Amino acid sequence: MTMEWMPLVWLGVFLVALIIEAVSEALLSIWFVAGALACLGISFIPGCPLWVQIVVFLVVSLIAFLTLRPFFSKILKRKITRTNSDSLVGTRIVILKDGDSQDPAEATFRGLSWAVIPLKEADKLTRGTIATIVAIDGNKLIVEPVEKENN
């Protein structure tokens, strides 16, 4: 390949890296876009050897990666939105009917009646026990007893 084709090669690398970045959700190839753009510019310098262009591509891509990745990572960091059921985890409830891991207890939370099972199979849930929701399994709240409610 002769050197007069190198601007087209770098333009191709630039476009391929840009397309890959456009279709991916992660910061995958944006660094190579910067390196290819730099090489596209230097490929117009007469007599610039291929090895210089490759070194420039690698160095510019590495510098772009090291300097821009922390910046873009902060901007593009996705906030995890909790679902309705996820928002129940960590909430305390009062057990209304005795139960255990084999025969679920009952509790009412936000106007809904729930089947409740203890986190540890050996635990028993008795009426009046205050428990913390630790997980949800289908239609059952999995809880860890905290204390007995004073009546």
N, C-alpha and C. Protein backbone atom coordinates (compact mmCIF):
# COMPACT_ATOMS: atom_id res chain seq x y z
N MET A 1 0.85 -1.17 0.00
CA MET A 1 0.00 0.00 0.00
C MET A 1 0.90 1.24 0.00
N THR A 2 0.61 2.14 -0.88
CA THR A 2 1.42 3.36 -0.94
C THR A 2 0.91 4.39 0.07
N MET A 3 1.75 5.35 0.38
CA MET A 3 1.44 6.31 1.43
C MET A 3 0.32 7.27 1.06
N GLU A 4 0.01 7.42 -0.25
CA GLU A 4 -1.08 8.34 -0.61
C GLU A 4 -2.45 7.80 -0.22
N TRP A 5 -2.51 6.53 0.12
CA TRP A 5 -3.78 5.93 0.56
C TRP A 5 -4.01 6.05 2.07
N MET A 6 -3.00 6.43 2.80
CA MET A 6 -3.10 6.48 4.26
C MET A 6 -4.19 7.42 4.78
N PRO A 7 -4.41 8.60 4.17
CA PRO A 7 -5.53 9.41 4.66
C PRO A 7 -6.88 8.67 4.57
N LEU A 8 -7.05 7.88 3.54
CA LEU A 8 -8.29 7.11 3.41
C LEU A 8 -8.35 5.98 4.44
N VAL A 9 -7.21 5.38 4.72
CA VAL A 9 -7.17 4.32 5.73
C VAL A 9 -7.53 4.91 7.10
N TRP A 10 -6.94 6.04 7.45
CA TRP A 10 -7.23 6.66 8.75
C TRP A 10 -8.67 7.18 8.82
N LEU A 11 -9.18 7.66 7.69
CA LEU A 11 -10.58 8.06 7.64
C LEU A 11 -11.48 6.85 7.87
N GLY A 12 -11.11 5.71 7.30
CA GLY A 12 -11.86 4.47 7.51
C GLY A 12 -11.81 4.02 8.96
N VAL A 13 -10.63 4.08 9.58
CA VAL A 13 -10.49 3.72 11.00
C VAL A 13 -11.34 4.66 11.85
N PHE A 14 -11.30 5.95 11.53
CA PHE A 14 -12.10 6.94 12.24
C PHE A 14 -13.59 6.61 12.15
N LEU A 15 -14.08 6.33 10.94
CA LEU A 15 -15.51 6.05 10.75
C LEU A 15 -15.93 4.74 11.43
N VAL A 16 -15.11 3.71 11.31
CA VAL A 16 -15.45 2.42 11.95
C VAL A 16 -15.50 2.59 13.47
N ALA A 17 -14.52 3.26 14.05
CA ALA A 17 -14.50 3.48 15.50
C ALA A 17 -15.69 4.34 15.93
N LEU A 18 -16.05 5.33 15.11
CA LEU A 18 -17.19 6.19 15.43
C LEU A 18 -18.50 5.40 15.36
N ILE A 19 -18.65 4.54 14.38
CA ILE A 19 -19.86 3.72 14.26
C ILE A 19 -19.96 2.74 15.43
N ILE A 20 -18.84 2.09 15.77
CA ILE A 20 -18.85 1.16 16.91
C ILE A 20 -19.25 1.91 18.18
N GLU A 21 -18.73 3.10 18.38
CA GLU A 21 -19.08 3.89 19.57
C GLU A 21 -20.55 4.29 19.56
N ALA A 22 -21.08 4.59 18.38
CA ALA A 22 -22.48 5.01 18.27
C ALA A 22 -23.45 3.87 18.59
N VAL A 23 -23.10 2.65 18.25
CA VAL A 23 -24.02 1.53 18.47
C VAL A 23 -23.80 0.83 19.82
N SER A 24 -22.70 1.15 20.49
CA SER A 24 -22.46 0.52 21.79
C SER A 24 -22.92 1.44 22.91
N GLU A 25 -23.25 0.85 24.05
CA GLU A 25 -23.68 1.63 25.20
C GLU A 25 -22.52 2.02 26.09
N ALA A 26 -21.40 1.39 25.90
CA ALA A 26 -20.24 1.67 26.75
C ALA A 26 -19.24 2.53 25.99
N LEU A 27 -18.32 3.11 26.74
CA LEU A 27 -17.24 3.86 26.10
C LEU A 27 -16.23 2.85 25.60
N LEU A 28 -16.43 2.43 24.36
CA LEU A 28 -15.66 1.31 23.83
C LEU A 28 -14.55 1.76 22.90
N SER A 29 -14.86 2.64 21.96
CA SER A 29 -13.87 2.96 20.94
C SER A 29 -13.70 4.46 20.70
N ILE A 30 -14.21 5.29 21.57
CA ILE A 30 -14.08 6.73 21.40
C ILE A 30 -12.62 7.16 21.41
N TRP A 31 -11.80 6.40 22.12
CA TRP A 31 -10.37 6.73 22.22
C TRP A 31 -9.69 6.55 20.87
N PHE A 32 -10.12 5.54 20.11
CA PHE A 32 -9.55 5.30 18.80
C PHE A 32 -10.01 6.33 17.79
N VAL A 33 -11.17 6.93 18.02
CA VAL A 33 -11.65 8.02 17.17
C VAL A 33 -10.65 9.17 17.25
N ALA A 34 -10.22 9.51 18.46
CA ALA A 34 -9.25 10.60 18.64
C ALA A 34 -7.92 10.25 17.98
N GLY A 35 -7.45 9.03 18.17
CA GLY A 35 -6.18 8.62 17.56
C GLY A 35 -6.24 8.62 16.04
N ALA A 36 -7.35 8.14 15.49
CA ALA A 36 -7.49 8.10 14.03
C ALA A 36 -7.58 9.51 13.45
N LEU A 37 -8.25 10.41 14.17
CA LEU A 37 -8.37 11.78 13.70
C LEU A 37 -7.00 12.46 13.69
N ALA A 38 -6.18 12.22 14.71
CA ALA A 38 -4.82 12.77 14.74
C ALA A 38 -3.99 12.22 13.59
N CYS A 39 -4.12 10.93 13.32
CA CYS A 39 -3.35 10.30 12.23
C CYS A 39 -3.84 10.74 10.86
N LEU A 40 -5.13 11.01 10.77
CA LEU A 40 -5.66 11.54 9.51
C LEU A 40 -4.97 12.86 9.20
N GLY A 41 -4.79 13.68 10.23
CA GLY A 41 -4.11 14.97 10.02
C GLY A 41 -2.65 14.81 9.64
N ILE A 42 -1.92 13.95 10.34
CA ILE A 42 -0.48 13.83 10.02
C ILE A 42 -0.22 13.01 8.76
N SER A 43 -1.21 12.27 8.29
CA SER A 43 -1.00 11.48 7.07
C SER A 43 -0.89 12.37 5.84
N PHE A 44 -1.27 13.64 5.95
CA PHE A 44 -1.14 14.58 4.83
C PHE A 44 0.25 15.21 4.77
N ILE A 45 1.07 14.97 5.80
CA ILE A 45 2.44 15.49 5.79
C ILE A 45 3.26 14.61 4.85
N PRO A 46 3.85 15.22 3.82
CA PRO A 46 4.63 14.42 2.86
C PRO A 46 5.82 13.72 3.53
N GLY A 47 5.98 12.46 3.21
CA GLY A 47 7.11 11.69 3.71
C GLY A 47 6.96 11.18 5.14
N CYS A 48 5.79 11.34 5.75
CA CYS A 48 5.58 10.84 7.12
C CYS A 48 5.46 9.31 7.07
N PRO A 49 6.41 8.62 7.70
CA PRO A 49 6.41 7.16 7.60
C PRO A 49 5.23 6.52 8.36
N LEU A 50 4.90 5.33 7.95
CA LEU A 50 3.78 4.59 8.53
C LEU A 50 4.00 4.33 10.01
N TRP A 51 5.23 3.99 10.41
CA TRP A 51 5.49 3.69 11.80
C TRP A 51 5.24 4.90 12.69
N VAL A 52 5.52 6.11 12.19
CA VAL A 52 5.23 7.33 12.96
C VAL A 52 3.73 7.49 13.14
N GLN A 53 2.97 7.22 12.08
CA GLN A 53 1.51 7.33 12.14
C GLN A 53 0.92 6.33 13.15
N ILE A 54 1.46 5.12 13.15
CA ILE A 54 0.98 4.10 14.08
C ILE A 54 1.30 4.49 15.53
N VAL A 55 2.52 5.00 15.75
CA VAL A 55 2.90 5.43 17.10
C VAL A 55 2.00 6.59 17.55
N VAL A 56 1.75 7.54 16.65
CA VAL A 56 0.87 8.67 16.99
C VAL A 56 -0.53 8.16 17.32
N PHE A 57 -1.03 7.20 16.53
CA PHE A 57 -2.35 6.63 16.78
C PHE A 57 -2.42 6.01 18.17
N LEU A 58 -1.42 5.20 18.52
CA LEU A 58 -1.40 4.54 19.81
C LEU A 58 -1.25 5.52 20.97
N VAL A 59 -0.36 6.49 20.83
CA VAL A 59 -0.11 7.47 21.90
C VAL A 59 -1.34 8.35 22.12
N VAL A 60 -1.92 8.88 21.05
CA VAL A 60 -3.09 9.75 21.18
C VAL A 60 -4.27 8.96 21.75
N SER A 61 -4.46 7.73 21.30
CA SER A 61 -5.54 6.90 21.83
C SER A 61 -5.35 6.62 23.32
N LEU A 62 -4.12 6.33 23.73
CA LEU A 62 -3.83 6.08 25.14
C LEU A 62 -4.04 7.34 25.98
N ILE A 63 -3.57 8.47 25.49
CA ILE A 63 -3.76 9.73 26.23
C ILE A 63 -5.24 10.06 26.35
N ALA A 64 -5.99 9.87 25.26
CA ALA A 64 -7.44 10.11 25.31
C ALA A 64 -8.11 9.18 26.31
N PHE A 65 -7.69 7.94 26.33
CA PHE A 65 -8.25 6.97 27.29
C PHE A 65 -7.97 7.39 28.73
N LEU A 66 -6.72 7.72 29.02
CA LEU A 66 -6.33 8.04 30.39
C LEU A 66 -6.91 9.35 30.89
N THR A 67 -7.08 10.32 30.01
CA THR A 67 -7.57 11.63 30.46
C THR A 67 -9.08 11.77 30.38
N LEU A 68 -9.70 11.19 29.38
CA LEU A 68 -11.13 11.40 29.19
C LEU A 68 -12.02 10.36 29.85
N ARG A 69 -11.50 9.16 30.08
CA ARG A 69 -12.35 8.10 30.64
C ARG A 69 -12.94 8.47 32.00
N PRO A 70 -12.14 9.00 32.95
CA PRO A 70 -12.73 9.38 34.24
C PRO A 70 -13.82 10.45 34.08
N PHE A 71 -13.60 11.39 33.19
CA PHE A 71 -14.58 12.46 32.96
C PHE A 71 -15.87 11.89 32.40
N PHE A 72 -15.78 11.08 31.33
CA PHE A 72 -16.97 10.51 30.72
C PHE A 72 -17.66 9.51 31.64
N SER A 73 -16.88 8.79 32.43
CA SER A 73 -17.48 7.81 33.34
C SER A 73 -18.39 8.49 34.36
N LYS A 74 -17.98 9.65 34.86
CA LYS A 74 -18.81 10.39 35.81
C LYS A 74 -20.08 10.89 35.15
N ILE A 75 -19.95 11.38 33.94
CA ILE A 75 -21.12 11.93 33.23
C ILE A 75 -22.10 10.84 32.84
N LEU A 76 -21.59 9.72 32.37
CA LEU A 76 -22.44 8.67 31.85
C LEU A 76 -22.84 7.63 32.89
N LYS A 77 -22.40 7.81 34.13
CA LYS A 77 -22.72 6.84 35.17
C LYS A 77 -24.24 6.78 35.33
N ARG A 78 -24.77 5.59 35.21
CA ARG A 78 -26.21 5.40 35.29
C ARG A 78 -26.65 5.30 36.74
N LYS A 79 -27.68 6.04 37.04
CA LYS A 79 -28.27 5.94 38.37
C LYS A 79 -29.24 4.78 38.33
N ILE A 80 -29.09 3.86 39.28
CA ILE A 80 -29.97 2.70 39.33
C ILE A 80 -31.27 3.12 40.00
N THR A 81 -32.33 2.98 39.25
CA THR A 81 -33.64 3.33 39.79
C THR A 81 -34.25 2.09 40.42
N ARG A 82 -34.61 2.24 41.67
CA ARG A 82 -35.20 1.11 42.38
C ARG A 82 -36.64 0.95 41.93
N THR A 83 -37.07 -0.28 41.84
CA THR A 83 -38.47 -0.56 41.51
C THR A 83 -39.31 -0.44 42.76
N ASN A 84 -40.62 -0.52 42.61
CA ASN A 84 -41.50 -0.43 43.77
C ASN A 84 -41.15 -1.49 44.80
N SER A 85 -40.96 -2.71 44.36
CA SER A 85 -40.66 -3.78 45.32
C SER A 85 -39.29 -3.59 45.95
N ASP A 86 -38.32 -3.07 45.21
CA ASP A 86 -37.00 -2.81 45.78
C ASP A 86 -37.08 -1.77 46.89
N SER A 87 -38.02 -0.84 46.78
CA SER A 87 -38.12 0.22 47.78
C SER A 87 -38.62 -0.33 49.12
N LEU A 88 -39.16 -1.54 49.14
CA LEU A 88 -39.63 -2.14 50.39
C LEU A 88 -38.47 -2.64 51.25
N VAL A 89 -37.38 -3.02 50.61
CA VAL A 89 -36.23 -3.58 51.34
C VAL A 89 -35.70 -2.54 52.32
N GLY A 90 -35.51 -2.98 53.56
CA GLY A 90 -35.01 -2.10 54.61
C GLY A 90 -36.12 -1.48 55.46
N THR A 91 -37.37 -1.68 55.04
CA THR A 91 -38.50 -1.14 55.77
C THR A 91 -38.90 -2.10 56.89
N ARG A 92 -39.38 -1.53 57.98
CA ARG A 92 -39.83 -2.37 59.10
C ARG A 92 -41.34 -2.58 59.03
N ILE A 93 -41.75 -3.79 59.39
CA ILE A 93 -43.17 -4.14 59.41
C ILE A 93 -43.49 -4.83 60.74
N VAL A 94 -44.78 -4.92 61.05
CA VAL A 94 -45.22 -5.62 62.25
C VAL A 94 -45.95 -6.88 61.81
N ILE A 95 -45.55 -8.01 62.36
CA ILE A 95 -46.16 -9.30 62.04
C ILE A 95 -47.54 -9.36 62.69
N LEU A 96 -48.57 -9.73 61.89
CA LEU A 96 -49.94 -9.79 62.39
C LEU A 96 -50.39 -11.20 62.72
N LYS A 97 -49.76 -12.22 62.11
CA LYS A 97 -50.14 -13.61 62.35
C LYS A 97 -48.86 -14.43 62.45
N ASP A 98 -48.81 -15.34 63.41
CA ASP A 98 -47.63 -16.19 63.62
C ASP A 98 -47.31 -17.00 62.37
N GLY A 99 -46.03 -17.33 62.22
CA GLY A 99 -45.62 -18.18 61.12
C GLY A 99 -44.14 -18.49 61.19
N ASP A 100 -43.70 -19.33 60.24
CA ASP A 100 -42.28 -19.66 60.13
C ASP A 100 -41.97 -19.87 58.65
N SER A 101 -40.84 -20.52 58.36
CA SER A 101 -40.44 -20.69 56.96
C SER A 101 -41.34 -21.66 56.20
N GLN A 102 -42.00 -22.59 56.91
CA GLN A 102 -42.90 -23.55 56.26
C GLN A 102 -44.34 -23.04 56.17
N ASP A 103 -44.77 -22.31 57.17
CA ASP A 103 -46.13 -21.77 57.24
C ASP A 103 -45.99 -20.24 57.39
N PRO A 104 -46.08 -19.52 56.27
CA PRO A 104 -45.79 -18.08 56.31
C PRO A 104 -46.66 -17.30 57.28
N ALA A 105 -46.03 -16.31 57.89
CA ALA A 105 -46.74 -15.37 58.75
C ALA A 105 -47.45 -14.37 57.83
N GLU A 106 -48.17 -13.43 58.44
CA GLU A 106 -48.85 -12.41 57.64
C GLU A 106 -48.53 -11.04 58.21
N ALA A 107 -48.48 -10.06 57.30
CA ALA A 107 -48.29 -8.67 57.69
C ALA A 107 -49.00 -7.80 56.65
N THR A 108 -49.42 -6.63 57.08
CA THR A 108 -50.01 -5.67 56.15
C THR A 108 -49.01 -4.55 55.99
N PHE A 109 -48.75 -4.19 54.74
CA PHE A 109 -47.81 -3.12 54.46
C PHE A 109 -48.35 -2.30 53.31
N ARG A 110 -48.46 -0.99 53.52
CA ARG A 110 -49.00 -0.06 52.52
C ARG A 110 -50.36 -0.52 52.00
N GLY A 111 -51.16 -1.01 52.91
CA GLY A 111 -52.52 -1.41 52.57
C GLY A 111 -52.65 -2.76 51.90
N LEU A 112 -51.57 -3.48 51.74
CA LEU A 112 -51.60 -4.80 51.12
C LEU A 112 -51.21 -5.86 52.14
N SER A 113 -51.87 -7.02 52.05
CA SER A 113 -51.55 -8.14 52.92
C SER A 113 -50.45 -8.97 52.25
N TRP A 114 -49.42 -9.29 53.01
CA TRP A 114 -48.28 -10.03 52.49
C TRP A 114 -48.08 -11.31 53.28
N ALA A 115 -47.61 -12.35 52.59
CA ALA A 115 -47.09 -13.54 53.25
C ALA A 115 -45.66 -13.20 53.64
N VAL A 116 -45.28 -13.59 54.85
CA VAL A 116 -43.97 -13.22 55.37
C VAL A 116 -43.25 -14.46 55.88
N ILE A 117 -41.99 -14.63 55.45
CA ILE A 117 -41.18 -15.74 55.95
C ILE A 117 -39.88 -15.19 56.51
N PRO A 118 -39.33 -15.88 57.52
CA PRO A 118 -38.07 -15.40 58.12
C PRO A 118 -36.88 -15.70 57.22
N LEU A 119 -35.85 -14.89 57.34
CA LEU A 119 -34.62 -15.08 56.59
C LEU A 119 -33.94 -16.39 56.99
N LYS A 120 -33.89 -16.65 58.29
CA LYS A 120 -33.29 -17.89 58.79
C LYS A 120 -34.41 -18.90 59.03
N GLU A 121 -34.25 -20.09 58.49
CA GLU A 121 -35.29 -21.11 58.60
C GLU A 121 -35.65 -21.44 60.05
N ALA A 122 -34.72 -21.33 60.95
CA ALA A 122 -34.97 -21.69 62.35
C ALA A 122 -35.81 -20.64 63.08
N ASP A 123 -35.85 -19.41 62.55
CA ASP A 123 -36.59 -18.34 63.21
C ASP A 123 -38.10 -18.54 63.11
N LYS A 124 -38.79 -18.13 64.14
CA LYS A 124 -40.26 -18.13 64.15
C LYS A 124 -40.69 -16.66 64.20
N LEU A 125 -41.77 -16.37 63.50
CA LEU A 125 -42.32 -15.02 63.51
C LEU A 125 -43.61 -15.05 64.32
N THR A 126 -43.66 -14.27 65.39
CA THR A 126 -44.86 -14.25 66.23
C THR A 126 -45.54 -12.90 66.11
N ARG A 127 -46.83 -12.93 66.37
CA ARG A 127 -47.64 -11.72 66.29
C ARG A 127 -47.01 -10.62 67.14
N GLY A 128 -46.93 -9.42 66.55
CA GLY A 128 -46.37 -8.28 67.26
C GLY A 128 -44.88 -8.09 67.05
N THR A 129 -44.22 -9.05 66.43
CA THR A 129 -42.78 -8.93 66.18
C THR A 129 -42.55 -7.86 65.12
N ILE A 130 -41.57 -7.00 65.36
CA ILE A 130 -41.16 -6.03 64.35
C ILE A 130 -40.03 -6.67 63.56
N ALA A 131 -40.16 -6.61 62.25
CA ALA A 131 -39.16 -7.25 61.39
C ALA A 131 -38.76 -6.29 60.28
N THR A 132 -37.54 -6.47 59.79
CA THR A 132 -37.03 -5.66 58.68
C THR A 132 -37.09 -6.49 57.41
N ILE A 133 -37.64 -5.92 56.35
CA ILE A 133 -37.70 -6.61 55.05
C ILE A 133 -36.30 -6.63 54.46
N VAL A 134 -35.79 -7.83 54.15
CA VAL A 134 -34.45 -7.97 53.59
C VAL A 134 -34.48 -8.37 52.12
N ALA A 135 -35.60 -8.96 51.68
CA ALA A 135 -35.70 -9.36 50.27
C ALA A 135 -37.17 -9.65 49.96
N ILE A 136 -37.43 -9.84 48.68
CA ILE A 136 -38.76 -10.22 48.23
C ILE A 136 -38.61 -11.42 47.31
N ASP A 137 -39.39 -12.45 47.57
CA ASP A 137 -39.36 -13.66 46.74
C ASP A 137 -40.77 -13.90 46.24
N GLY A 138 -41.04 -13.47 45.01
CA GLY A 138 -42.38 -13.60 44.46
C GLY A 138 -43.35 -12.75 45.24
N ASN A 139 -44.32 -13.41 45.90
CA ASN A 139 -45.32 -12.67 46.69
C ASN A 139 -45.04 -12.75 48.19
N LYS A 140 -43.82 -13.13 48.55
CA LYS A 140 -43.47 -13.25 49.96
C LYS A 140 -42.39 -12.25 50.33
N LEU A 141 -42.59 -11.63 51.50
CA LEU A 141 -41.55 -10.78 52.05
C LEU A 141 -40.64 -11.65 52.90
N ILE A 142 -39.36 -11.53 52.70
CA ILE A 142 -38.39 -12.25 53.52
C ILE A 142 -37.87 -11.23 54.55
N VAL A 143 -38.04 -11.58 55.82
CA VAL A 143 -37.74 -10.61 56.87
C VAL A 143 -36.76 -11.15 57.89
N GLU A 144 -36.19 -10.23 58.64
CA GLU A 144 -35.33 -10.58 59.76
C GLU A 144 -35.95 -9.92 60.99
N PRO A 145 -36.32 -10.73 61.98
CA PRO A 145 -36.94 -10.16 63.18
C PRO A 145 -36.00 -9.18 63.88
N VAL A 146 -36.59 -8.08 64.35
CA VAL A 146 -35.79 -7.07 65.04
C VAL A 146 -36.12 -7.10 66.53
N GLU A 147 -37.41 -6.95 66.87
CA GLU A 147 -37.79 -6.92 68.28
C GLU A 147 -39.29 -7.20 68.39
N LYS A 148 -39.68 -7.50 69.59
CA LYS A 148 -41.08 -7.72 69.90
C LYS A 148 -41.70 -6.37 70.23
N GLU A 149 -42.86 -6.08 69.59
CA GLU A 149 -43.54 -4.80 69.83
C GLU A 149 -44.13 -4.81 71.24
N ASN A 150 -43.99 -3.71 71.95
CA ASN A 150 -44.56 -3.58 73.29
C ASN A 150 -46.02 -3.20 73.20
N ASN A 151 -46.91 -4.00 73.77
CA ASN A 151 -48.35 -3.70 73.73
C ASN A 151 -48.84 -3.29 75.09
